[in-house]
Amino acid sequence: MERGALSQVAEAKRFPGESPTQTVTTQANHFFGALCGYIKLELLKGATKLNHFALKSKLYLQAIQSAYAVLRELNPVSLAA
């Protein structure tokens, strides 16, 4: 077992019968993070006048273009068909 797995086992033994995901602190943190994400998305939608599908498409396109640029830098040999 690796170190992370051992600490998870120790954590599970510390709270018998209770999953760490069911603690009040964990649920409150998750709710707060989800609320912050929702607010940021709504602000971005208002600033760009785009709906969330259009924003998602723009993000995907930018990520693919960035990944392709890095790939071209790593492999400068062109593959001719």
PDB file of N, CA and C in Angstrom:
ATOM      1  N   MET A   1       0.837  -1.187   0.000  1.00  0.00           N
ATOM      2  CA  MET A   1       0.000   0.000   0.000  1.00  0.00           C
ATOM      3  C   MET A   1       0.872   1.237   0.000  1.00  0.00           C
ATOM      4  N   GLU A   2       0.413   2.220  -0.709  1.00  0.00           N
ATOM      5  CA  GLU A   2       1.144   3.471  -0.709  1.00  0.00           C
ATOM      6  C   GLU A   2       0.710   4.330   0.470  1.00  0.00           C
ATOM      7  N   ARG A   3       1.434   5.391   0.701  1.00  0.00           N
ATOM      8  CA  ARG A   3       1.194   6.227   1.875  1.00  0.00           C
ATOM      9  C   ARG A   3      -0.207   6.830   1.891  1.00  0.00           C
ATOM     10  N   GLY A   4      -0.709   7.298   0.734  1.00  0.00           N
ATOM     11  CA  GLY A   4      -2.035   7.898   0.671  1.00  0.00           C
ATOM     12  C   GLY A   4      -3.122   6.917   1.061  1.00  0.00           C
ATOM     13  N   ALA A   5      -2.969   5.657   0.620  1.00  0.00           N
ATOM     14  CA  ALA A   5      -3.971   4.641   0.933  1.00  0.00           C
ATOM     15  C   ALA A   5      -3.974   4.341   2.435  1.00  0.00           C
ATOM     16  N   LEU A   6      -2.796   4.333   3.041  1.00  0.00           N
ATOM     17  CA  LEU A   6      -2.723   4.076   4.474  1.00  0.00           C
ATOM     18  C   LEU A   6      -3.393   5.184   5.269  1.00  0.00           C
ATOM     19  N   SER A   7      -3.209   6.433   4.831  1.00  0.00           N
ATOM     20  CA  SER A   7      -3.824   7.524   5.569  1.00  0.00           C
ATOM     21  C   SER A   7      -5.344   7.481   5.411  1.00  0.00           C
ATOM     22  N   GLN A   8      -5.828   7.025   4.272  1.00  0.00           N
ATOM     23  CA  GLN A   8      -7.272   6.901   4.079  1.00  0.00           C
ATOM     24  C   GLN A   8      -7.843   5.813   4.980  1.00  0.00           C
ATOM     25  N   VAL A   9      -7.096   4.719   5.137  1.00  0.00           N
ATOM     26  CA  VAL A   9      -7.547   3.646   6.025  1.00  0.00           C
ATOM     27  C   VAL A   9      -7.591   4.153   7.460  1.00  0.00           C
ATOM     28  N   ALA A  10      -6.569   4.893   7.865  1.00  0.00           N
ATOM     29  CA  ALA A  10      -6.533   5.435   9.215  1.00  0.00           C
ATOM     30  C   ALA A  10      -7.684   6.421   9.425  1.00  0.00           C
ATOM     31  N   GLU A  11      -7.981   7.202   8.416  1.00  0.00           N
ATOM     32  CA  GLU A  11      -9.084   8.154   8.503  1.00  0.00           C
ATOM     33  C   GLU A  11     -10.412   7.422   8.642  1.00  0.00           C
ATOM     34  N   ALA A  12     -10.585   6.335   7.898  1.00  0.00           N
ATOM     35  CA  ALA A  12     -11.826   5.562   7.963  1.00  0.00           C
ATOM     36  C   ALA A  12     -11.989   4.919   9.333  1.00  0.00           C
ATOM     37  N   LYS A  13     -10.890   4.484   9.937  1.00  0.00           N
ATOM     38  CA  LYS A  13     -10.974   3.861  11.265  1.00  0.00           C
ATOM     39  C   LYS A  13     -11.262   4.896  12.357  1.00  0.00           C
ATOM     40  N   ARG A  14     -10.871   6.150  12.106  1.00  0.00           N
ATOM     41  CA  ARG A  14     -11.079   7.191  13.100  1.00  0.00           C
ATOM     42  C   ARG A  14     -12.557   7.540  13.254  1.00  0.00           C
ATOM     43  N   PHE A  15     -13.316   7.444  12.163  1.00  0.00           N
ATOM     44  CA  PHE A  15     -14.740   7.735  12.181  1.00  0.00           C
ATOM     45  C   PHE A  15     -15.512   6.484  11.792  1.00  0.00           C
ATOM     46  N   PRO A  16     -15.630   5.516  12.680  1.00  0.00           N
ATOM     47  CA  PRO A  16     -16.299   4.267  12.298  1.00  0.00           C
ATOM     48  C   PRO A  16     -17.770   4.496  11.957  1.00  0.00           C
ATOM     49  N   GLY A  17     -18.171   3.944  10.832  1.00  0.00           N
ATOM     50  CA  GLY A  17     -19.559   4.036  10.415  1.00  0.00           C
ATOM     51  C   GLY A  17     -19.958   5.346   9.781  1.00  0.00           C
ATOM     52  N   GLU A  18     -19.028   6.295   9.666  1.00  0.00           N
ATOM     53  CA  GLU A  18     -19.366   7.585   9.075  1.00  0.00           C
ATOM     54  C   GLU A  18     -18.389   7.897   7.949  1.00  0.00           C
ATOM     55  N   SER A  19     -18.925   8.108   6.779  1.00  0.00           N
ATOM     56  CA  SER A  19     -18.102   8.461   5.627  1.00  0.00           C
ATOM     57  C   SER A  19     -17.645   9.908   5.757  1.00  0.00           C
ATOM     58  N   PRO A  20     -16.400  10.215   5.404  1.00  0.00           N
ATOM     59  CA  PRO A  20     -15.942  11.608   5.463  1.00  0.00           C
ATOM     60  C   PRO A  20     -16.764  12.535   4.567  1.00  0.00           C
ATOM     61  N   THR A  21     -17.427  11.967   3.547  1.00  0.00           N
ATOM     62  CA  THR A  21     -18.241  12.808   2.670  1.00  0.00           C
ATOM     63  C   THR A  21     -19.558  13.195   3.315  1.00  0.00           C
ATOM     64  N   GLN A  22     -19.891  12.585   4.430  1.00  0.00           N
ATOM     65  CA  GLN A  22     -21.159  12.894   5.082  1.00  0.00           C
ATOM     66  C   GLN A  22     -20.992  13.777   6.305  1.00  0.00           C
ATOM     67  N   THR A  23     -19.826  14.361   6.459  1.00  0.00           N
ATOM     68  CA  THR A  23     -19.638  15.274   7.590  1.00  0.00           C
ATOM     69  C   THR A  23     -20.163  16.657   7.204  1.00  0.00           C
ATOM     70  N   VAL A  24     -20.545  17.422   8.192  1.00  0.00           N
ATOM     71  CA  VAL A  24     -21.108  18.746   7.957  1.00  0.00           C
ATOM     72  C   VAL A  24     -20.083  19.664   7.291  1.00  0.00           C
ATOM     73  N   THR A  25     -18.834  19.596   7.726  1.00  0.00           N
ATOM     74  CA  THR A  25     -17.792  20.454   7.163  1.00  0.00           C
ATOM     75  C   THR A  25     -17.590  20.178   5.684  1.00  0.00           C
ATOM     76  N   THR A  26     -17.515  18.909   5.306  1.00  0.00           N
ATOM     77  CA  THR A  26     -17.308  18.549   3.912  1.00  0.00           C
ATOM     78  C   THR A  26     -18.477  19.008   3.057  1.00  0.00           C
ATOM     79  N   GLN A  27     -19.678  18.800   3.527  1.00  0.00           N
ATOM     80  CA  GLN A  27     -20.853  19.211   2.763  1.00  0.00           C
ATOM     81  C   GLN A  27     -20.946  20.723   2.660  1.00  0.00           C
ATOM     82  N   ALA A  28     -20.586  21.438   3.713  1.00  0.00           N
ATOM     83  CA  ALA A  28     -20.610  22.904   3.678  1.00  0.00           C
ATOM     84  C   ALA A  28     -19.571  23.427   2.694  1.00  0.00           C
ATOM     85  N   ASN A  29     -18.383  22.829   2.681  1.00  0.00           N
ATOM     86  CA  ASN A  29     -17.348  23.242   1.730  1.00  0.00           C
ATOM     87  C   ASN A  29     -17.796  22.987   0.300  1.00  0.00           C
ATOM     88  N   HIS A  30     -18.425  21.848   0.054  1.00  0.00           N
ATOM     89  CA  HIS A  30     -18.901  21.526  -1.289  1.00  0.00           C
ATOM     90  C   HIS A  30     -19.981  22.518  -1.724  1.00  0.00           C
ATOM     91  N   PHE A  31     -20.908  22.820  -0.837  1.00  0.00           N
ATOM     92  CA  PHE A  31     -21.973  23.773  -1.155  1.00  0.00           C
ATOM     93  C   PHE A  31     -21.391  25.147  -1.460  1.00  0.00           C
ATOM     94  N   PHE A  32     -20.435  25.592  -0.658  1.00  0.00           N
ATOM     95  CA  PHE A  32     -19.813  26.898  -0.867  1.00  0.00           C
ATOM     96  C   PHE A  32     -19.080  26.946  -2.210  1.00  0.00           C
ATOM     97  N   GLY A  33     -18.340  25.880  -2.539  1.00  0.00           N
ATOM     98  CA  GLY A  33     -17.633  25.831  -3.818  1.00  0.00           C
ATOM     99  C   GLY A  33     -18.587  25.835  -4.998  1.00  0.00           C
ATOM    100  N   ALA A  34     -19.676  25.083  -4.895  1.00  0.00           N
ATOM    101  CA  ALA A  34     -20.669  25.038  -5.969  1.00  0.00           C
ATOM    102  C   ALA A  34     -21.336  26.404  -6.138  1.00  0.00           C
ATOM    103  N   LEU A  35     -21.634  27.073  -5.031  1.00  0.00           N
ATOM    104  CA  LEU A  35     -22.253  28.391  -5.089  1.00  0.00           C
ATOM    105  C   LEU A  35     -21.312  29.408  -5.736  1.00  0.00           C
ATOM    106  N   CYS A  36     -20.032  29.369  -5.377  1.00  0.00           N
ATOM    107  CA  CYS A  36     -19.048  30.282  -5.982  1.00  0.00           C
ATOM    108  C   CYS A  36     -18.936  30.033  -7.484  1.00  0.00           C
ATOM    109  N   GLY A  37     -18.909  28.770  -7.886  1.00  0.00           N
ATOM    110  CA  GLY A  37     -18.836  28.434  -9.313  1.00  0.00           C
ATOM    111  C   GLY A  37     -20.052  28.931 -10.068  1.00  0.00           C
ATOM    112  N   TYR A  38     -21.230  28.784  -9.474  1.00  0.00           N
ATOM    113  CA  TYR A  38     -22.465  29.246 -10.111  1.00  0.00           C
ATOM    114  C   TYR A  38     -22.449  30.762 -10.285  1.00  0.00           C
ATOM    115  N   ILE A  39     -22.019  31.476  -9.260  1.00  0.00           N
ATOM    116  CA  ILE A  39     -21.978  32.934  -9.332  1.00  0.00           C
ATOM    117  C   ILE A  39     -20.986  33.385 -10.399  1.00  0.00           C
ATOM    118  N   LYS A  40     -19.822  32.752 -10.450  1.00  0.00           N
ATOM    119  CA  LYS A  40     -18.823  33.118 -11.459  1.00  0.00           C
ATOM    120  C   LYS A  40     -19.356  32.867 -12.869  1.00  0.00           C
ATOM    121  N   LEU A  41     -20.044  31.745 -13.058  1.00  0.00           N
ATOM    122  CA  LEU A  41     -20.613  31.434 -14.373  1.00  0.00           C
ATOM    123  C   LEU A  41     -21.656  32.476 -14.768  1.00  0.00           C
ATOM    124  N   GLU A  42     -22.519  32.861 -13.828  1.00  0.00           N
ATOM    125  CA  GLU A  42     -23.541  33.859 -14.134  1.00  0.00           C
ATOM    126  C   GLU A  42     -22.917  35.213 -14.460  1.00  0.00           C
ATOM    127  N   LEU A  43     -21.877  35.607 -13.738  1.00  0.00           N
ATOM    128  CA  LEU A  43     -21.191  36.867 -14.032  1.00  0.00           C
ATOM    129  C   LEU A  43     -20.530  36.821 -15.406  1.00  0.00           C
ATOM    130  N   LEU A  44     -19.924  35.692 -15.734  1.00  0.00           N
ATOM    131  CA  LEU A  44     -19.279  35.533 -17.036  1.00  0.00           C
ATOM    132  C   LEU A  44     -20.315  35.551 -18.157  1.00  0.00           C
ATOM    133  N   LYS A  45     -21.450  34.919 -17.927  1.00  0.00           N
ATOM    134  CA  LYS A  45     -22.523  34.931 -18.928  1.00  0.00           C
ATOM    135  C   LYS A  45     -23.014  36.351 -19.168  1.00  0.00           C
ATOM    136  N   GLY A  46     -23.137  37.139 -18.105  1.00  0.00           N
ATOM    137  CA  GLY A  46     -23.583  38.522 -18.241  1.00  0.00           C
ATOM    138  C   GLY A  46     -22.558  39.396 -18.942  1.00  0.00           C
ATOM    139  N   ALA A  47     -21.299  39.182 -18.656  1.00  0.00           N
ATOM    140  CA  ALA A  47     -20.236  40.004 -19.244  1.00  0.00           C
ATOM    141  C   ALA A  47     -20.014  39.695 -20.720  1.00  0.00           C
ATOM    142  N   THR A  48     -20.195  38.430 -21.116  1.00  0.00           N
ATOM    143  CA  THR A  48     -19.925  38.042 -22.503  1.00  0.00           C
ATOM    144  C   THR A  48     -21.168  37.977 -23.365  1.00  0.00           C
ATOM    145  N   LYS A  49     -22.351  38.037 -22.757  1.00  0.00           N
ATOM    146  CA  LYS A  49     -23.624  37.911 -23.463  1.00  0.00           C
ATOM    147  C   LYS A  49     -23.743  36.567 -24.191  1.00  0.00           C
ATOM    148  N   LEU A  50     -23.114  35.543 -23.635  1.00  0.00           N
ATOM    149  CA  LEU A  50     -23.181  34.196 -24.195  1.00  0.00           C
ATOM    150  C   LEU A  50     -23.819  33.261 -23.174  1.00  0.00           C
ATOM    151  N   ASN A  51     -24.506  32.230 -23.657  1.00  0.00           N
ATOM    152  CA  ASN A  51     -25.048  31.244 -22.724  1.00  0.00           C
ATOM    153  C   ASN A  51     -23.963  30.241 -22.350  1.00  0.00           C
ATOM    154  N   HIS A  52     -24.262  29.330 -21.444  1.00  0.00           N
ATOM    155  CA  HIS A  52     -23.208  28.442 -20.945  1.00  0.00           C
ATOM    156  C   HIS A  52     -22.751  27.445 -22.001  1.00  0.00           C
ATOM    157  N   PHE A  53     -23.604  27.106 -22.981  1.00  0.00           N
ATOM    158  CA  PHE A  53     -23.180  26.210 -24.054  1.00  0.00           C
ATOM    159  C   PHE A  53     -22.137  26.883 -24.947  1.00  0.00           C
ATOM    160  N   ALA A  54     -22.351  28.157 -25.251  1.00  0.00           N
ATOM    161  CA  ALA A  54     -21.400  28.905 -26.077  1.00  0.00           C
ATOM    162  C   ALA A  54     -20.079  29.102 -25.331  1.00  0.00           C
ATOM    163  N   LEU A  55     -20.153  29.386 -24.027  1.00  0.00           N
ATOM    164  CA  LEU A  55     -18.934  29.536 -23.237  1.00  0.00           C
ATOM    165  C   LEU A  55     -18.146  28.233 -23.203  1.00  0.00           C
ATOM    166  N   LYS A  56     -18.860  27.116 -23.025  1.00  0.00           N
ATOM    167  CA  LYS A  56     -18.222  25.810 -22.986  1.00  0.00           C
ATOM    168  C   LYS A  56     -17.541  25.505 -24.319  1.00  0.00           C
ATOM    169  N   SER A  57     -18.202  25.822 -25.422  1.00  0.00           N
ATOM    170  CA  SER A  57     -17.629  25.590 -26.742  1.00  0.00           C
ATOM    171  C   SER A  57     -16.361  26.414 -26.952  1.00  0.00           C
ATOM    172  N   LYS A  58     -16.400  27.676 -26.521  1.00  0.00           N
ATOM    173  CA  LYS A  58     -15.219  28.527 -26.661  1.00  0.00           C
ATOM    174  C   LYS A  58     -14.051  28.002 -25.826  1.00  0.00           C
ATOM    175  N   LEU A  59     -14.351  27.537 -24.612  1.00  0.00           N
ATOM    176  CA  LEU A  59     -13.299  26.994 -23.751  1.00  0.00           C
ATOM    177  C   LEU A  59     -12.688  25.722 -24.355  1.00  0.00           C
ATOM    178  N   TYR A  60     -13.554  24.833 -24.867  1.00  0.00           N
ATOM    179  CA  TYR A  60     -13.059  23.608 -25.497  1.00  0.00           C
ATOM    180  C   TYR A  60     -12.192  23.926 -26.705  1.00  0.00           C
ATOM    181  N   LEU A  61     -12.647  24.842 -27.543  1.00  0.00           N
ATOM    182  CA  LEU A  61     -11.887  25.199 -28.738  1.00  0.00           C
ATOM    183  C   LEU A  61     -10.524  25.767 -28.354  1.00  0.00           C
ATOM    184  N   GLN A  62     -10.496  26.653 -27.377  1.00  0.00           N
ATOM    185  CA  GLN A  62      -9.226  27.241 -26.927  1.00  0.00           C
ATOM    186  C   GLN A  62      -8.294  26.169 -26.361  1.00  0.00           C
ATOM    187  N   ALA A  63      -8.845  25.230 -25.591  1.00  0.00           N
ATOM    188  CA  ALA A  63      -8.030  24.156 -25.011  1.00  0.00           C
ATOM    189  C   ALA A  63      -7.460  23.257 -26.092  1.00  0.00           C
ATOM    190  N   ILE A  64      -8.253  22.919 -27.095  1.00  0.00           N
ATOM    191  CA  ILE A  64      -7.778  22.062 -28.183  1.00  0.00           C
ATOM    192  C   ILE A  64      -6.694  22.771 -28.986  1.00  0.00           C
ATOM    193  N   GLN A  65      -6.895  24.058 -29.273  1.00  0.00           N
ATOM    194  CA  GLN A  65      -5.880  24.815 -30.009  1.00  0.00           C
ATOM    195  C   GLN A  65      -4.575  24.906 -29.228  1.00  0.00           C
ATOM    196  N   SER A  66      -4.675  25.120 -27.934  1.00  0.00           N
ATOM    197  CA  SER A  66      -3.482  25.191 -27.093  1.00  0.00           C
ATOM    198  C   SER A  66      -2.755  23.847 -27.048  1.00  0.00           C
ATOM    199  N   ALA A  67      -3.507  22.769 -26.896  1.00  0.00           N
ATOM    200  CA  ALA A  67      -2.900  21.439 -26.862  1.00  0.00           C
ATOM    201  C   ALA A  67      -2.227  21.113 -28.186  1.00  0.00           C
ATOM    202  N   TYR A  68      -2.852  21.487 -29.290  1.00  0.00           N
ATOM    203  CA  TYR A  68      -2.274  21.217 -30.610  1.00  0.00           C
ATOM    204  C   TYR A  68      -0.990  22.027 -30.810  1.00  0.00           C
ATOM    205  N   ALA A  69      -0.963  23.268 -30.323  1.00  0.00           N
ATOM    206  CA  ALA A  69       0.249  24.091 -30.440  1.00  0.00           C
ATOM    207  C   ALA A  69       1.400  23.465 -29.656  1.00  0.00           C
ATOM    208  N   VAL A  70       1.125  22.969 -28.452  1.00  0.00           N
ATOM    209  CA  VAL A  70       2.157  22.310 -27.643  1.00  0.00           C
ATOM    210  C   VAL A  70       2.620  21.036 -28.331  1.00  0.00           C
ATOM    211  N   LEU A  71       1.698  20.285 -28.906  1.00  0.00           N
ATOM    212  CA  LEU A  71       2.056  19.062 -29.625  1.00  0.00           C
ATOM    213  C   LEU A  71       2.969  19.359 -30.805  1.00  0.00           C
ATOM    214  N   ARG A  72       2.689  20.419 -31.517  1.00  0.00           N
ATOM    215  CA  ARG A  72       3.540  20.798 -32.663  1.00  0.00           C
ATOM    216  C   ARG A  72       4.932  21.212 -32.209  1.00  0.00           C
ATOM    217  N   GLU A  73       5.031  21.834 -31.036  1.00  0.00           N
ATOM    218  CA  GLU A  73       6.351  22.201 -30.504  1.00  0.00           C
ATOM    219  C   GLU A  73       7.134  20.947 -30.102  1.00  0.00           C
ATOM    220  N   LEU A  74       6.453  19.964 -29.538  1.00  0.00           N
ATOM    221  CA  LEU A  74       7.131  18.749 -29.086  1.00  0.00           C
ATOM    222  C   LEU A  74       7.544  17.865 -30.260  1.00  0.00           C
ATOM    223  N   ASN A  75       6.771  17.885 -31.332  1.00  0.00           N
ATOM    224  CA  ASN A  75       7.036  17.036 -32.477  1.00  0.00           C
ATOM    225  C   ASN A  75       7.120  17.898 -33.737  1.00  0.00           C
ATOM    226  N   PRO A  76       8.283  18.548 -33.991  1.00  0.00           N
ATOM    227  CA  PRO A  76       8.367  19.479 -35.119  1.00  0.00           C
ATOM    228  C   PRO A  76       8.387  18.778 -36.487  1.00  0.00           C
ATOM    229  N   VAL A  77       8.548  17.475 -36.544  1.00  0.00           N
ATOM    230  CA  VAL A  77       8.567  16.765 -37.813  1.00  0.00           C
ATOM    231  C   VAL A  77       7.149  16.709 -38.364  1.00  0.00           C
ATOM    232  N   SER A  78       6.976  17.207 -39.595  1.00  0.00           N
ATOM    233  CA  SER A  78       5.633  17.177 -40.175  1.00  0.00           C
ATOM    234  C   SER A  78       5.363  15.795 -40.758  1.00  0.00           C
ATOM    235  N   LEU A  79       4.164  15.345 -40.577  1.00  0.00           N
ATOM    236  CA  LEU A  79       3.751  14.048 -41.092  1.00  0.00           C
ATOM    237  C   LEU A  79       3.030  14.277 -42.414  1.00  0.00           C
ATOM    238  N   ALA A  80       3.683  13.900 -43.513  1.00  0.00           N
ATOM    239  CA  ALA A  80       3.076  14.076 -44.835  1.00  0.00           C
ATOM    240  C   ALA A  80       2.207  12.862 -45.157  1.00  0.00           C
ATOM    241  N   ALA A  81       1.082  13.112 -45.754  1.00  0.00           N
ATOM    242  CA  ALA A  81       0.162  12.022 -46.101  1.00  0.00           C
ATOM    243  C   ALA A  81       0.562  11.359 -47.394  1.00  0.00           C
TER     244      ALA A  81
END
